[in-house]
Protein backbone atom coordinates (compact mmCIF):
# COMPACT_ATOMS: atom_id res chain seq x y z
CA UNK A 1 0.00 0.00 0.00
CA UNK A 2 2.84 2.41 0.75
CA UNK A 3 5.00 1.40 -2.20
CA UNK A 4 3.93 4.21 -4.59
CA UNK A 5 4.62 6.77 -1.87
CA UNK A 6 8.02 5.20 -1.15
CA UNK A 7 8.96 5.40 -4.82
CA UNK A 8 7.96 9.07 -4.91
CA UNK A 9 9.84 9.99 -1.72
CA UNK A 10 12.97 8.15 -2.86
CA UNK A 11 13.39 10.38 -5.91
CA UNK A 12 14.53 13.52 -4.07
CA UNK A 13 17.19 13.53 -1.31
CA UNK A 14 15.31 16.24 0.58
CA UNK A 15 12.41 13.79 0.95
CA UNK A 16 14.51 10.89 2.26
CA UNK A 17 13.91 11.93 5.88
CA UNK A 18 10.19 11.32 5.39
CA UNK A 19 10.83 8.04 3.62
CA UNK A 20 12.94 6.81 6.53
CA UNK A 21 10.14 7.79 8.93
CA UNK A 22 7.76 5.78 6.76
CA UNK A 23 10.17 2.81 6.77
CA UNK A 24 10.45 3.03 10.53
CA UNK A 25 6.66 3.01 10.87
CA UNK A 26 6.48 0.08 8.45
CA UNK A 27 9.12 -1.84 10.44
CA UNK A 28 7.18 -1.39 13.67
CA UNK A 29 3.98 -2.56 11.99
CA UNK A 30 5.77 -5.48 10.29
CA UNK A 31 7.16 -6.81 13.58
CA UNK A 32 3.81 -6.37 15.34
CA UNK A 33 2.06 -8.29 12.58
CA UNK A 34 4.24 -11.31 13.37
CA UNK A 35 3.15 -11.05 17.01
CA UNK A 36 6.67 -11.29 18.43
CA UNK A 37 7.37 -9.73 21.84
CA UNK A 38 10.18 -7.17 21.55
CA UNK A 39 12.43 -5.93 24.34
CA UNK A 40 14.48 -2.77 23.69
CA UNK A 41 17.21 -1.96 26.22
CA UNK A 42 19.16 1.29 25.97
CA UNK A 43 22.21 1.23 28.24
CA UNK A 44 23.58 4.71 27.53
CA UNK A 45 22.42 8.00 26.15
CA UNK A 46 23.82 9.55 22.97
CA UNK A 47 24.13 13.35 23.39
CA UNK A 48 21.44 15.24 21.50
CA UNK A 49 22.53 16.10 17.99
CA UNK A 50 25.58 13.81 18.16
CA UNK A 51 25.87 11.41 15.22
CA UNK A 52 27.28 7.98 16.01
CA UNK A 53 28.24 4.77 14.22
CA UNK A 54 26.03 1.88 15.36
CA UNK A 55 27.75 -1.51 15.03
CA UNK A 56 25.31 -4.43 15.49
CA UNK A 57 25.81 -8.17 15.11
CA UNK A 58 24.23 -9.64 11.97
CA UNK A 59 22.19 -12.84 12.19
CA UNK A 60 18.92 -12.49 10.24
CA UNK A 61 16.97 -10.63 7.57
CA UNK A 62 14.88 -9.19 10.40
CA UNK A 63 17.92 -7.21 11.65
CA UNK A 64 17.26 -4.07 9.60
CA UNK A 65 13.54 -3.76 10.52
CA UNK A 66 14.39 -4.27 14.20
CA UNK A 67 17.10 -1.61 14.05
CA UNK A 68 14.72 0.80 12.33
CA UNK A 69 12.15 0.14 15.05
CA UNK A 70 14.53 0.56 17.99
CA UNK A 71 16.79 3.44 16.92
CA UNK A 72 15.06 6.81 16.55
CA UNK A 73 16.03 9.60 14.22
CA UNK A 74 16.96 9.90 10.56
CA UNK A 75 19.37 6.99 10.18
CA UNK A 76 21.49 5.90 7.30
CA UNK A 77 22.45 2.25 6.95
CA UNK A 78 25.07 0.44 4.91
CA UNK A 79 24.01 -2.78 3.20
CA UNK A 80 25.43 -5.11 0.59
CA UNK A 81 24.93 -4.04 -3.01
CA UNK A 82 22.74 -7.08 -3.78
CA UNK A 83 19.99 -5.53 -1.62
CA UNK A 84 19.52 -2.88 -4.32
CA UNK A 85 18.78 -5.65 -6.82
CA UNK A 86 15.87 -7.23 -4.96
CA UNK A 87 12.47 -6.75 -6.64
CA UNK A 88 10.42 -3.65 -5.86
CA UNK A 89 12.07 -2.41 -2.65
CA UNK A 90 15.67 -2.88 -3.84
CA UNK A 91 15.93 0.20 -6.08
CA UNK A 92 14.44 2.31 -3.28
CA UNK A 93 17.06 1.02 -0.83
CA UNK A 94 19.80 1.76 -3.36
CA UNK A 95 18.69 5.38 -3.77
CA UNK A 96 18.07 6.17 -0.10
CA UNK A 97 20.71 4.21 1.82
CA UNK A 98 24.35 3.21 1.28
CA UNK A 99 25.21 0.07 -0.67
CA UNK A 100 28.64 -1.54 -0.92
CA UNK A 101 30.20 -4.33 -2.94
CA UNK A 102 32.90 -5.56 -0.57
CA UNK A 103 34.78 -7.25 -3.41
CA UNK A 104 35.34 -3.86 -5.09
CA UNK A 105 37.84 -1.34 -3.72
CA UNK A 106 36.08 1.43 -5.66
CA UNK A 107 32.72 0.53 -4.12
CA UNK A 108 34.21 0.36 -0.62
CA UNK A 109 35.82 3.76 -1.07
CA UNK A 110 32.61 5.32 -2.37
CA UNK A 111 30.56 3.90 0.51
CA UNK A 112 33.11 5.25 3.02
CA UNK A 113 32.77 8.74 1.54
CA UNK A 114 28.96 8.51 1.64
CA UNK A 115 29.03 7.39 5.27
CA UNK A 116 31.43 10.22 6.20
CA UNK A 117 29.14 12.75 4.51
CA UNK A 118 26.18 11.31 6.42
CA UNK A 119 27.95 11.88 9.74
CA UNK A 120 28.90 15.43 8.70
CA UNK A 121 25.20 16.07 8.08
CA UNK A 122 24.50 15.12 11.71
CA UNK A 123 22.96 11.72 10.92
CA UNK A 124 23.96 8.45 12.49
CA UNK A 125 25.06 5.44 10.45
CA UNK A 126 24.45 1.72 10.99
CA UNK A 127 27.15 -0.65 9.71
CA UNK A 128 27.32 -4.40 10.31
CA UNK A 129 30.99 -4.96 11.22
CA UNK A 130 30.81 -8.67 10.28
CA UNK A 131 29.89 -7.70 6.72
CA UNK A 132 27.49 -10.64 6.34
CA UNK A 133 25.09 -12.79 8.33
CA UNK A 134 27.09 -14.88 10.79
CA UNK A 135 27.54 -18.59 10.16
CA UNK A 136 27.05 -19.31 13.88
CA UNK A 137 24.63 -16.59 15.04
CA UNK A 138 24.56 -15.76 18.75
CA UNK A 139 27.40 -18.23 19.20
CA UNK A 140 30.41 -16.89 17.33
CA UNK A 141 30.97 -13.50 15.74
CA UNK A 142 32.63 -13.41 12.35
CA UNK A 143 35.87 -11.37 12.09
CA UNK A 144 35.08 -7.67 12.04
CA UNK A 145 35.86 -5.49 9.03
CA UNK A 146 37.91 -2.35 9.66
CA UNK A 147 35.50 -0.02 7.82
CA UNK A 148 33.10 1.10 10.57
CA UNK A 149 35.96 1.58 13.03
CA UNK A 150 38.04 3.56 10.54
CA UNK A 151 34.99 5.70 9.85
CA UNK A 152 34.29 6.45 13.52
CA UNK A 153 37.94 7.25 14.26
CA UNK A 154 38.31 9.45 11.16
CA UNK A 155 35.13 11.38 11.99
CA UNK A 156 35.79 11.45 15.74
CA UNK A 157 32.31 10.16 16.56
CA UNK A 158 31.34 7.51 19.13
CA UNK A 159 30.79 3.84 18.33
CA UNK A 160 27.66 2.22 19.75
CA UNK A 161 27.70 -1.60 19.94
CA UNK A 162 24.30 -3.26 19.43
CA UNK A 163 23.36 -6.85 20.32
CA UNK A 164 20.43 -8.72 18.79
CA UNK A 165 20.60 -12.22 20.34
CA UNK A 166 17.39 -13.84 19.12
CA UNK A 167 16.72 -12.65 15.56
CA UNK A 168 18.09 -15.86 14.04
CA UNK A 169 15.68 -17.90 16.14
CA UNK A 170 12.74 -16.01 14.63
CA UNK A 171 13.92 -15.80 11.01
CA UNK A 172 17.15 -17.72 10.34
CA UNK A 173 19.25 -17.30 7.21
CA UNK A 174 18.32 -20.58 5.51
CA UNK A 175 17.07 -21.61 2.09
CA UNK A 176 13.41 -20.72 1.78
CA UNK A 177 11.38 -18.97 4.46
CA UNK A 178 11.55 -20.41 7.96
CA UNK A 179 9.83 -18.49 10.75
CA UNK A 180 9.59 -19.54 14.37
CA UNK A 181 7.86 -17.85 17.28
CA UNK A 182 10.61 -16.29 19.39
CA UNK A 183 11.02 -13.32 21.64
CA UNK A 184 13.12 -10.54 20.13
CA UNK A 185 15.58 -8.44 22.10
CA UNK A 186 17.86 -5.60 21.15
CA UNK A 187 20.46 -4.08 23.47
CA UNK A 188 21.90 -0.68 22.57
CA UNK A 189 25.09 -0.39 24.60
CA UNK A 190 26.84 2.68 25.94
CA UNK A 191 28.67 4.82 23.36
CA UNK A 192 32.44 4.33 23.08
CA UNK A 193 34.29 7.61 22.43
CA UNK A 194 36.81 7.61 19.58
CA UNK A 195 37.99 11.22 19.74
CA UNK A 196 41.78 11.27 19.81
CA UNK A 197 42.16 7.67 18.65
CA UNK A 198 44.23 6.71 15.59
CA UNK A 199 44.42 3.81 13.18
CA UNK A 200 46.75 2.07 15.62
CA UNK A 201 43.88 1.82 18.11
CA UNK A 202 41.50 0.03 15.72
CA UNK A 203 42.47 -3.60 16.55
CA UNK A 204 41.86 -3.00 20.27
CA UNK A 205 38.65 -1.12 19.47
CA UNK A 206 37.35 -4.04 17.37
CA UNK A 207 38.14 -6.48 20.16
CA UNK A 208 36.37 -4.30 22.72
CA UNK A 209 33.23 -3.94 20.62
CA UNK A 210 33.11 -7.68 19.87
CA UNK A 211 33.40 -8.47 23.57
CA UNK A 212 30.55 -6.08 24.43
CA UNK A 213 28.25 -7.46 21.71
CA UNK A 214 28.92 -11.10 22.64
CA UNK A 215 28.34 -10.39 26.34
CA UNK A 216 24.57 -10.35 25.71
CA UNK A 217 24.40 -13.57 23.69
CA UNK A 218 22.24 -16.31 25.16
CA UNK A 219 24.01 -19.72 24.98
CA UNK A 220 20.61 -21.44 24.98
CA UNK A 221 19.73 -19.64 21.74
CA UNK A 222 22.94 -20.40 19.85
CA UNK A 223 22.75 -21.90 16.38
CA UNK A 224 20.09 -22.24 13.70
CA UNK A 225 16.81 -23.80 14.88
CA UNK A 226 15.91 -27.06 13.13
CA UNK A 227 13.17 -27.16 10.52
CA UNK A 228 9.71 -27.88 11.86
CA UNK A 229 6.86 -29.85 10.32
CA UNK A 230 3.13 -29.33 10.44
CA UNK A 231 2.55 -33.08 10.27
CA UNK A 232 2.74 -35.10 13.47
CA UNK A 233 5.11 -38.05 13.55
CA UNK A 234 3.17 -41.30 12.88
CA UNK A 235 2.66 -43.54 15.88
CA UNK A 236 4.38 -46.96 15.81
CA UNK A 237 1.06 -48.83 15.80
CA UNK A 238 -0.09 -46.76 12.82
CA UNK A 239 3.10 -47.63 10.91
CA UNK A 240 2.58 -51.33 11.70
CA UNK A 241 -0.99 -51.17 10.41
CA UNK A 242 0.16 -49.60 7.15
CA UNK A 243 2.86 -52.22 6.65
CA UNK A 244 0.34 -55.03 7.34
């Protein structure tokens, strides 16, 4: 229903603020339609008017809607270039948000410049430091890319770690669509200042952020949930009757 309006708002940069507000409203509605309970925990306050770089773990296709729901304001988000190629919504994402082809140095450089410009405009940026959905969600983080940390240090803005420990239980990254009822939780940790840091500090910064994100993982929720079936398992006596 909102698609024609989204297409219209995506055509002019000055309208992108309203499109993001519409996407945020849509994300809230989308999650409510699934009926999943959502817990949002904010551990620290970002100073008013201060742009930051949010660095969340990546475990599911529900990550972006949950981030849009939980983080207020006119955000920008960096996603893989293939998102811009998905039917209908893809071209809108490509015009409004930042896309990157990590196999291309030119694309990585362009996305870095776009993200830096976003911060200079006073807007916060969301970047998944793993660069892809984790192979072992809520169990083991993939090695972090340097990009979001280089960006925060170069711009002198805080990093905000974000943990989403249950998204993969609700909508795992598997072939086809698999949805399970699961509580959803997002923890927005305290900002980490980067003012005065240099490139030499990035390895320690990555390790610190990874430790903070992983601290809110739930060991009981680790791994991809098995496929379910709507058909009950046949009883032994029923199997015997069929064989007879």
